[in-house]
Structure formats: C-alpha cells, structure tokens
Protein backbone atom coordinates (compact mmCIF):
# COMPACT_ATOMS: atom_id res chain seq x y z
CA MET A 1 28.22 22.01 -57.85
CA SER A 2 30.91 23.75 -59.74
CA VAL A 3 29.02 23.29 -63.09
CA SER A 4 28.88 26.85 -64.46
CA ARG A 5 32.63 27.17 -65.56
CA ARG A 6 32.62 23.95 -67.37
CA THR A 7 29.13 24.97 -68.81
CA VAL A 8 30.61 28.18 -70.06
CA LEU A 9 33.69 26.61 -71.48
CA ALA A 10 31.68 23.68 -73.24
CA THR A 11 29.03 25.62 -74.62
CA ALA A 12 30.43 29.20 -75.57
CA ALA A 13 32.26 27.85 -78.70
CA GLY A 14 28.92 26.39 -80.10
CA ALA A 15 26.90 29.29 -79.24
CA ALA A 16 27.36 30.74 -82.70
CA ALA A 17 25.74 27.68 -84.38
CA VAL A 18 22.31 28.81 -83.25
CA CYS A 19 22.62 32.10 -85.13
CA ALA A 20 20.35 32.43 -88.38
CA SER A 21 21.74 35.80 -89.75
CA PRO A 22 23.92 38.54 -88.76
CA THR A 23 22.51 41.03 -86.21
CA PRO A 24 23.88 44.31 -85.31
CA ALA A 25 26.48 44.31 -82.29
CA VAL A 26 25.25 45.80 -79.00
CA GLY A 27 25.73 49.64 -79.28
CA ALA A 28 24.67 49.64 -82.89
CA VAL A 29 21.42 50.97 -84.09
CA ASP A 30 19.70 48.64 -86.45
CA ALA A 31 19.35 50.34 -89.70
CA ARG A 32 16.51 48.00 -90.75
CA THR A 33 14.17 49.74 -88.09
CA PRO A 34 11.58 51.96 -90.03
CA ALA A 35 11.76 55.60 -89.79
CA PRO A 36 7.90 55.77 -88.59
CA THR A 37 8.80 53.19 -85.83
CA LEU A 38 11.71 55.28 -84.60
CA ARG A 39 9.33 58.51 -84.63
CA THR A 40 6.84 56.65 -82.64
CA PHE A 41 9.36 55.44 -80.06
CA ARG A 42 10.94 59.04 -79.70
CA ALA A 43 7.44 60.46 -79.07
CA ALA A 44 6.64 57.81 -76.61
CA ALA A 45 10.10 58.57 -74.90
CA ASP A 46 9.62 62.15 -74.86
CA TYR A 47 6.17 61.48 -73.24
CA ALA A 48 7.50 59.36 -70.58
CA VAL A 49 10.38 61.53 -69.78
CA GLU A 50 8.24 64.65 -69.26
CA LYS A 51 5.76 62.63 -67.20
CA ILE A 52 8.42 61.23 -64.93
CA ARG A 53 9.95 64.71 -64.91
CA ALA A 54 6.67 66.28 -63.55
CA VAL A 55 5.89 63.38 -61.04
CA ALA A 56 9.21 62.70 -59.66
CA PRO A 57 9.37 65.66 -56.99
CA GLY A 58 6.37 64.44 -55.31
CA VAL A 59 7.25 60.83 -55.02
CA ASN A 60 7.70 59.95 -51.53
CA GLY A 61 8.30 56.19 -51.59
CA PHE A 62 8.48 53.31 -54.07
CA PRO A 63 5.48 53.20 -56.77
CA VAL A 64 3.68 49.76 -56.47
CA GLY A 65 0.44 50.61 -58.67
CA THR A 66 -1.99 53.26 -59.25
CA ARG A 67 -5.30 53.85 -57.51
CA PHE A 68 -7.50 56.33 -59.53
CA GLU A 69 -4.48 56.88 -61.67
CA LYS A 70 -2.41 58.14 -58.84
CA TRP A 71 0.76 56.06 -57.44
CA VAL A 72 0.28 54.14 -54.36
CA TYR A 73 3.69 53.78 -52.59
CA SER A 74 5.67 51.06 -50.42
CA GLN A 75 8.15 52.77 -48.14
CA GLY A 76 10.26 49.44 -48.08
CA GLY A 77 10.03 48.87 -51.82
CA ASP A 78 7.86 45.50 -51.76
CA TRP A 79 9.24 43.58 -54.58
CA VAL A 80 9.11 46.32 -57.09
CA GLY A 81 11.27 48.83 -55.36
CA GLY A 82 14.10 48.54 -58.06
CA PHE A 83 11.92 49.76 -60.64
CA TRP A 84 11.44 53.45 -59.85
CA PRO A 85 15.22 54.24 -59.59
CA GLY A 86 15.46 52.12 -62.56
CA THR A 87 12.94 54.16 -64.47
CA LEU A 88 14.68 57.38 -63.41
CA TRP A 89 18.22 56.05 -64.69
CA MET A 90 16.50 55.16 -68.10
CA ALA A 91 14.83 58.87 -68.26
CA TRP A 92 18.53 60.06 -67.50
CA LEU A 93 20.05 58.07 -70.24
CA TYR A 94 17.27 59.23 -72.76
CA SER A 95 17.31 62.89 -71.80
CA LYS A 96 20.61 63.61 -70.15
CA ASP A 97 18.68 65.76 -67.55
CA GLU A 98 20.92 65.87 -64.56
CA ALA A 99 17.67 66.06 -62.47
CA PHE A 100 17.14 62.27 -63.12
CA ARG A 101 20.79 61.69 -62.33
CA ALA A 102 20.06 63.20 -58.81
CA TRP A 103 16.88 61.57 -58.19
CA ALA A 104 17.80 57.85 -59.11
CA PRO A 105 20.44 57.25 -56.35
CA THR A 106 18.47 59.16 -53.78
CA SER A 107 15.67 56.67 -54.25
CA ALA A 108 17.99 53.57 -54.73
CA GLN A 109 19.62 54.42 -51.39
CA LYS A 110 16.27 53.78 -49.55
CA LEU A 111 16.52 50.12 -50.48
CA ALA A 112 19.83 49.71 -48.50
CA PRO A 113 17.96 47.70 -45.73
CA ARG A 114 16.78 45.12 -48.31
CA GLN A 115 20.24 44.00 -49.05
CA TYR A 116 20.06 41.70 -46.04
CA ASP A 117 16.55 40.53 -46.79
CA THR A 118 16.52 36.67 -46.93
CA GLY A 119 12.97 36.31 -46.90
CA THR A 120 12.23 37.30 -50.60
CA HIS A 121 13.58 35.95 -54.00
CA ASP A 122 13.02 39.20 -55.58
CA LEU A 123 16.31 40.73 -54.72
CA GLY A 124 17.25 40.79 -58.47
CA PHE A 125 14.31 43.00 -59.20
CA LEU A 126 15.05 45.15 -56.27
CA PHE A 127 18.92 45.55 -56.82
CA TYR A 128 19.68 45.04 -60.60
CA PRO A 129 17.89 48.00 -61.97
CA SER A 130 18.61 50.03 -59.23
CA TRP A 131 21.98 49.43 -57.47
CA VAL A 132 23.83 47.52 -60.37
CA THR A 133 23.06 50.09 -62.73
CA ALA A 134 23.89 52.72 -60.43
CA TRP A 135 27.32 51.15 -60.05
CA ARG A 136 27.76 50.80 -63.75
CA LEU A 137 26.64 54.40 -64.56
CA THR A 138 28.56 56.02 -61.63
CA GLY A 139 31.50 53.67 -60.69
CA GLU A 140 30.71 54.34 -56.94
CA ASP A 141 31.78 51.13 -55.17
CA ALA A 142 29.12 51.32 -52.50
CA TRP A 143 26.42 50.23 -55.02
CA ARG A 144 28.59 47.16 -56.17
CA THR A 145 28.95 46.28 -52.31
CA GLY A 146 25.34 46.44 -51.79
CA ALA A 147 24.37 44.28 -54.55
CA LEU A 148 26.91 41.62 -53.79
CA GLN A 149 25.48 41.53 -50.37
CA ALA A 150 22.01 41.23 -51.97
CA ALA A 151 23.29 38.12 -54.11
CA ASP A 152 24.51 36.66 -50.61
CA SER A 153 21.14 37.01 -49.22
CA LEU A 154 19.47 35.56 -52.23
CA ILE A 155 21.54 32.32 -52.22
CA GLN A 156 20.29 31.66 -48.77
CA ARG A 157 17.16 30.66 -50.62
CA TYR A 158 18.73 28.04 -52.59
CA ASN A 159 17.39 24.36 -51.83
CA PRO A 160 20.25 21.90 -52.80
CA ARG A 161 17.93 18.81 -52.89
CA GLY A 162 15.60 20.18 -55.44
CA ARG A 163 18.06 22.46 -57.07
CA PHE A 164 15.92 25.51 -56.95
CA ILE A 165 15.48 28.96 -55.27
CA ARG A 166 12.44 29.05 -53.20
CA ALA A 167 10.02 31.95 -54.23
CA TRP A 168 8.03 33.03 -51.15
CA GLY A 169 8.13 33.33 -47.49
CA PRO A 170 10.78 33.61 -44.76
CA LEU A 171 13.32 30.85 -44.56
CA THR A 172 11.52 29.46 -41.51
CA ASP A 173 8.07 29.36 -43.34
CA GLN A 174 7.55 25.74 -44.28
CA LYS A 175 4.41 26.53 -46.06
CA ASN A 176 6.16 27.97 -49.07
CA ALA A 177 9.24 26.09 -48.89
CA GLY A 178 8.83 24.04 -52.07
CA ARG A 179 7.33 26.79 -54.01
CA VAL A 180 9.08 27.82 -57.47
CA ILE A 181 7.80 30.45 -59.67
CA ILE A 182 8.70 31.56 -63.36
CA ASP A 183 9.42 34.98 -62.19
CA THR A 184 12.52 33.81 -60.51
CA MET A 185 14.33 33.64 -63.79
CA MET A 186 14.52 37.46 -63.82
CA ASN A 187 16.36 37.44 -60.34
CA LEU A 188 19.32 35.30 -61.58
CA ASP A 189 21.43 37.97 -63.34
CA LEU A 190 21.94 39.54 -59.87
CA LEU A 191 23.92 35.97 -59.33
CA ALA A 192 25.84 36.14 -62.55
CA PHE A 193 26.82 39.71 -61.63
CA ALA A 194 28.06 38.47 -58.33
CA SER A 195 30.35 35.80 -59.88
CA ARG A 196 31.62 38.26 -62.50
CA GLN A 197 32.57 40.75 -59.81
CA THR A 198 33.99 38.25 -57.26
CA GLY A 199 35.32 35.65 -59.20
CA ASP A 200 33.60 33.17 -57.02
CA ALA A 201 31.59 30.67 -59.11
CA LYS A 202 29.06 29.65 -56.42
CA TYR A 203 26.58 32.50 -57.12
CA LEU A 204 26.42 31.51 -61.00
CA ASP A 205 26.44 27.75 -60.30
CA ILE A 206 23.23 28.21 -58.15
CA ALA A 207 21.77 30.30 -61.14
CA VAL A 208 22.57 27.60 -63.44
CA GLU A 209 21.15 25.04 -61.27
CA HIS A 210 17.94 26.80 -60.71
CA THR A 211 17.73 27.54 -64.51
CA ARG A 212 18.33 23.78 -65.27
CA THR A 213 15.56 22.87 -62.72
CA THR A 214 12.92 25.51 -64.33
CA GLN A 215 13.95 24.42 -67.83
CA ARG A 216 12.96 20.76 -66.67
CA VAL A 217 9.58 21.24 -65.03
CA PHE A 218 8.03 24.32 -66.26
CA PRO A 219 7.75 24.34 -70.29
CA ARG A 220 5.03 22.41 -71.72
CA PRO A 221 5.47 20.72 -75.03
CA ASP A 222 3.86 23.68 -76.82
CA GLY A 223 6.12 26.11 -75.07
CA SER A 224 3.44 27.41 -72.61
CA THR A 225 4.31 27.64 -68.70
CA PRO A 226 2.70 27.65 -65.56
CA HIS A 227 3.13 30.32 -63.02
CA VAL A 228 4.04 27.83 -60.12
CA PHE A 229 5.66 24.57 -59.80
CA ASP A 230 5.80 22.72 -56.35
CA PHE A 231 8.32 20.42 -54.92
CA ASP A 232 8.68 18.61 -51.68
CA PRO A 233 11.20 20.84 -49.87
CA ASP A 234 12.73 18.10 -47.91
CA SER A 235 13.49 15.53 -50.58
CA GLY A 236 13.47 18.01 -53.47
CA ALA A 237 10.86 15.59 -55.50
CA PRO A 238 8.63 17.37 -57.87
CA ILE A 239 5.11 17.67 -56.96
CA GLY A 240 3.69 19.49 -59.92
CA PRO A 241 2.45 22.65 -61.46
CA ASN A 242 0.21 25.17 -59.90
CA THR A 243 -0.73 28.97 -60.07
CA VAL A 244 -1.34 31.97 -57.93
CA GLN A 245 -1.49 34.80 -60.65
CA GLY A 246 -2.38 32.53 -63.66
CA TYR A 247 -6.15 31.39 -64.42
CA SER A 248 -5.46 27.69 -63.50
CA PRO A 249 -2.20 25.46 -63.00
CA THR A 250 -2.87 24.55 -66.93
CA SER A 251 -3.14 28.09 -68.07
CA CYS A 252 -0.36 30.43 -69.24
CA TRP A 253 -0.07 33.60 -67.34
CA SER A 254 1.29 36.19 -69.92
CA ARG A 255 3.59 38.22 -67.61
CA GLY A 256 5.03 34.97 -66.19
CA GLN A 257 5.67 33.77 -69.80
CA ALA A 258 7.50 37.02 -70.52
CA TRP A 259 9.64 36.70 -67.53
CA GLY A 260 10.56 33.22 -68.78
CA ILE A 261 11.49 34.56 -72.16
CA TYR A 262 13.58 37.43 -70.83
CA GLY A 263 15.18 35.31 -67.98
CA PHE A 264 16.08 32.26 -70.11
CA THR A 265 17.65 34.50 -72.71
CA THR A 266 19.68 36.26 -70.11
CA MET A 267 20.92 33.01 -68.70
CA TYR A 268 22.01 32.15 -72.29
CA ARG A 269 24.02 35.34 -72.44
CA ARG A 270 25.78 34.81 -69.13
CA THR A 271 26.63 30.94 -69.78
CA GLY A 272 26.68 30.49 -73.55
CA ASN A 273 24.53 27.30 -72.73
CA PRO A 274 22.50 26.66 -76.07
CA GLU A 275 19.82 24.67 -74.10
CA PHE A 276 18.91 27.88 -72.32
CA LEU A 277 18.69 29.69 -75.70
CA ALA A 278 16.57 26.95 -77.03
CA THR A 279 14.12 27.15 -74.14
CA ALA A 280 14.03 30.91 -74.45
CA ARG A 281 12.99 30.36 -78.18
CA LYS A 282 10.20 27.83 -77.22
CA LEU A 283 8.62 30.15 -74.73
CA ALA A 284 8.83 33.00 -77.13
CA ASP A 285 7.23 31.07 -80.15
CA PHE A 286 4.47 30.18 -77.94
CA ALA A 287 3.80 33.68 -76.73
CA VAL A 288 4.16 35.31 -80.21
CA ARG A 289 1.68 32.73 -81.59
CA ALA A 290 -0.74 33.72 -78.76
CA LEU A 291 -0.67 37.44 -79.43
CA THR A 292 -3.81 39.07 -80.72
CA PRO A 293 -3.68 41.41 -83.75
CA ASP A 294 -3.55 44.50 -81.20
CA HIS A 295 -0.36 43.25 -79.89
CA VAL A 296 -1.31 43.84 -76.44
CA PRO A 297 -1.14 40.65 -74.47
CA VAL A 298 -4.32 39.46 -72.57
CA TRP A 299 -3.48 38.77 -68.92
CA ASP A 300 -3.62 34.90 -69.34
CA TYR A 301 -3.17 33.43 -72.83
CA ARG A 302 -5.38 30.34 -71.71
CA ALA A 303 -8.18 32.18 -69.78
CA PRO A 304 -11.71 31.26 -70.71
CA GLN A 305 -12.36 34.64 -72.22
CA GLN A 306 -9.24 35.16 -74.29
CA PRO A 307 -8.42 36.75 -76.88
CA HIS A 308 -11.30 39.25 -75.47
CA ASP A 309 -10.28 39.33 -71.78
CA ILE A 310 -8.48 41.95 -69.66
CA LYS A 311 -5.19 43.15 -71.16
CA ASP A 312 -1.76 43.42 -69.38
CA ALA A 313 0.59 45.95 -71.11
CA SER A 314 3.40 45.18 -68.65
CA ALA A 315 3.66 41.71 -70.15
CA GLY A 316 3.98 43.21 -73.49
CA ALA A 317 6.88 45.56 -72.38
CA ILE A 318 8.61 42.72 -70.79
CA MET A 319 7.99 40.45 -73.66
CA ALA A 320 9.43 43.08 -75.99
CA CYS A 321 12.72 43.55 -74.14
CA GLY A 322 13.09 39.69 -74.04
CA LEU A 323 12.38 39.47 -77.79
CA LEU A 324 14.94 42.08 -78.43
CA ASP A 325 17.43 40.28 -76.52
CA LEU A 326 16.63 36.90 -78.21
CA SER A 327 16.91 38.53 -81.68
CA THR A 328 20.39 39.54 -80.95
CA ALA A 329 21.25 36.17 -79.41
CA THR A 330 20.01 34.12 -82.19
CA GLY A 331 20.23 36.64 -85.08
CA ARG A 332 16.67 36.06 -86.04
CA HIS A 333 15.11 39.45 -86.98
CA SER A 334 11.82 38.07 -86.87
CA TYR A 335 11.97 38.19 -82.97
CA ARG A 336 12.95 41.95 -83.20
CA GLU A 337 10.12 42.67 -85.76
CA VAL A 338 7.59 41.41 -83.10
CA ALA A 339 9.29 43.30 -80.48
CA LEU A 340 8.82 46.48 -82.50
CA ARG A 341 5.15 45.73 -83.12
CA LEU A 342 4.73 45.22 -79.44
CA LEU A 343 6.39 48.42 -78.35
CA THR A 344 4.55 50.39 -81.16
CA ALA A 345 1.23 48.99 -79.66
CA LEU A 346 1.98 50.31 -76.37
CA SER A 347 3.40 53.45 -77.50
CA GLN A 348 0.24 53.98 -79.57
CA THR A 349 -2.77 52.42 -77.50
CA CYS A 350 -1.33 52.13 -73.87
CA LEU A 351 0.01 55.46 -72.68
CA THR A 352 -1.74 57.86 -70.23
CA ARG A 353 -1.84 60.45 -72.67
CA ASN A 354 -5.35 61.24 -72.49
CA SER A 355 -5.44 61.81 -68.86
CA ALA A 356 -4.38 64.86 -67.12
CA ARG A 357 -4.35 63.34 -63.71
CA ALA A 358 -2.51 60.03 -64.54
CA GLU A 359 1.13 59.75 -62.65
CA ALA A 360 2.19 56.73 -64.41
CA VAL A 361 3.33 56.39 -68.18
CA VAL A 362 1.76 53.14 -69.12
CA ALA A 363 -2.05 52.12 -68.41
CA ARG A 364 -3.83 48.84 -69.01
CA CYS A 365 -1.81 46.83 -66.94
CA THR A 366 -3.24 43.88 -64.67
CA ARG A 367 -1.36 43.08 -61.33
CA ASN A 368 -3.23 39.84 -60.06
CA ARG A 369 -6.36 39.02 -61.75
CA PRO A 370 -7.47 35.96 -59.83
CA ALA A 371 -7.42 38.17 -56.70
CA GLU A 372 -9.23 40.91 -58.51
CA ASP A 373 -6.13 43.11 -57.38
CA GLY A 374 -5.08 45.79 -59.72
CA ILE A 375 -7.27 45.56 -62.89
CA GLU A 376 -6.67 48.10 -65.66
CA ILE A 377 -4.09 50.08 -63.52
CA SER A 378 -0.51 51.23 -63.96
CA LEU A 379 2.39 49.29 -62.64
CA PRO A 380 6.02 50.53 -62.05
CA TYR A 381 7.69 47.71 -64.08
CA ALA A 382 5.50 48.47 -67.16
CA ASP A 383 6.93 52.11 -67.25
CA TYR A 384 10.47 50.72 -66.66
CA TYR A 385 10.48 48.11 -69.47
CA LEU A 386 8.74 50.26 -71.79
CA LEU A 387 11.66 52.56 -71.50
CA GLU A 388 14.23 49.97 -71.62
CA GLY A 389 12.55 48.39 -74.67
CA ILE A 390 12.46 51.72 -76.50
CA LEU A 391 16.21 52.64 -75.46
CA ARG A 392 17.18 49.18 -76.71
CA VAL A 393 16.29 50.32 -80.15
CA LEU A 394 17.12 54.12 -79.90
CA GLN A 395 20.13 54.00 -77.84
CA PRO A 396 21.37 50.49 -77.46
CA GLU A 397 24.88 51.49 -76.37
CA ASP A 398 23.61 53.26 -73.31
CA VAL A 399 21.26 50.33 -72.27
CA ASP A 400 24.42 48.25 -72.56
CA ARG A 401 26.26 50.58 -70.29
CA ALA A 402 23.48 50.55 -67.66
CA ILE A 403 22.53 46.56 -67.47
CA ASP A 404 25.27 44.95 -69.53
CA LEU A 405 23.81 43.28 -72.69
CA SER A 406 27.02 41.41 -73.42
CA THR A 407 26.85 37.71 -74.64
CA LEU A 408 29.80 35.21 -74.39
C-alpha cells in the first residue's frame, strides 16, 4: 500500500494549477485585512487570554464542556484533552506570558497514558495540539516520542479491507467495527507527522487511503456530508450513511462539515493531491452557501428548524480555520473573506464577555443536539480554534511554528 510517496511526486508539480491568485506566504500578514477587523480580533484575543489566565490556576483536569458556565472536567482527557494545553500554547504565542508556557506542558503531560490507547480514533485531537505543538515550540524530544507512539496506536485501527480507520470502540468491539465518521479527517495529520519524522511511509499511506475512502463515500453531489458512514467490517463493503450527532443520515451536521473542510485541506497540504483540495472546496462551498447572515452556523444545516435552530459557535471557529487554510492553498481570497466574517461574528456575538462567572471564552456551542447533551454551552475546542483562527490572521508565523502550515 505504498501509495503516498507516488501521490506526492505525481501531484505536487500540478498543485499550483489550482491557484487562482497570489496569496501571502505562511508567515506574512495579509495587508488586505481591514483595520477594523484586526482591532476586533486583537480585542477578542486580549479577552481570551485574560479569561484563560484567570481560570488556568484552578483547572484540575481537561475541560470537556460547561455546566452553569463552569468547566466540567475529565481526568483522562476523553477525546478533547488536547485542546486545553493547545489553548494554553496559543495564549502563550499571543501574549508571550511565561505562565502559559509553564501551564501548557504540565497539562499535556497528563495525557501520557493515552499514547498507548488503541480504543479511540481521536489520538490526533489528543496529541497534535498538545504534544506535537509542545515539541515544535520547545524542541524537547519526549514530546515527539510520545506523539509517534500515539500514531502507532492510531494505525492499529486501520481496516485494510475497507481502507478506513474505524471511529469508535475498542478493537475487540464488533458493534462499531465498521463505523467511519467525518471527524477522523482531523486525526490524520498525526500520521502525516509520524511519516515526516520517521521516514516511514506507512503512516501517511494509511492517512491517504482513509482520505480516499472518505472522499468516495461521504460527499454528496451538493457538497454536504453525513456524520457517519457504515461498512461491513469483514468484507469492507460499503453499507451506507448514518448519523449520531446530525439530525438524520441525510442531514448535514455543521461541525462535521467543518472537520471535513479543515481535514481535506490539511491532507492536500501534506500530499499535494489536487483531488483532496477539490473535495475541500466542494465541502467549503456548500457550507458557505448554508451560512445565515449572522455567520454563526446552525448546529445542522438541514435540520427542520434551520436557519432558526440552535447555533454551534464551535463549528464556526473550526470552519474559519479551515477556510483560512483553504484560501492559502487555492489563492482564493473569497474563502479568507468568509473566514474573517466568521471570526468577526464569533468575536462580536459569541464571547462570554457579559458573564462574570463564565470560565470559557466562547459561548453558544452545541455538543450533541440529538442526545440533548450540551445545548448552548461552551466547549474547549471552540476556545482553541477561535484563538488558532485569530492568530492565523494576526500572527501567522507563530501558528506555523506551532502546528506547521507548510504546503508541498
């Protein structure tokens, strides 16, 4: 299955053909960003950093969501454990306050047992914003070693018959053995990192095969996606779309759509495969068309009550980061303009500024609407991606240093 090296060599030379207009290189601040937008983003980043600085000394685990505006914690990290140390790293990049530089690795170290966890596909979420970023910012090799072990654990979940990474359940659990979810696209960069660091193509090969499978079965003709797609785990044969967090198998869960935009763009950057970029654009174009004028995504773009249904600000933050990435990859400034509007809307209408008791930065998030779990709360990945998105605009060279925005 040594396909990724050939893919890289065959497609990197043609990648420039998709670019429509020049885009500033990574590390360059785009001079076209309006001054009022920059002021809005700096004010939001200032607020976020002050909030995080006030809350961090009392954090005694990994925030998973809020209840009555206070963080609820997981000691093991659940699937979101990487976002709190990642948020601390982003706060340090913005503020240069050494307190964040001390808190981030202390928090990340608590994830150490999870590097051996073969029971989850979310090892990218757990280890990229925490351990990979720690290695990139400190150079301490223990972080790199742990991230590589996490990649070794993740590839144990690969099904070679169906060419996918299974989403949920321990390896011995047959119930979920054929389930694939759009979210997994965001876990693949850990595998790309492992191939770059070790020189072993097997990690990226698996990431590429999973991406191709996702590309084949998830996007609908209009660019929307389901949350879940099921396969027969024994034969690898496709069964069909499904959902857990979306309204239905035929709907389009907005956070999942955002994971897809960001994930396919990342896989384009790691391989140079123009088909992955085309898929990212297809998903992005659907989501952009589905946005309401307030630029805060509804939780599911095809729920019956949309566009007047419950919002999910976390989907907006993730989508903004993906669109900024996509704008750089394609040279299309229109994607960047939408990203700026998303980040502006979040900064102006979704922060917790009006609550003295709130411990999070971003409000108006929805975790799992069908389960009535976490409606209109705060979520740790909303805080993380809001800061990542703002810093992609204000300090792109620092974000590149932290998470590697390079493109073949």
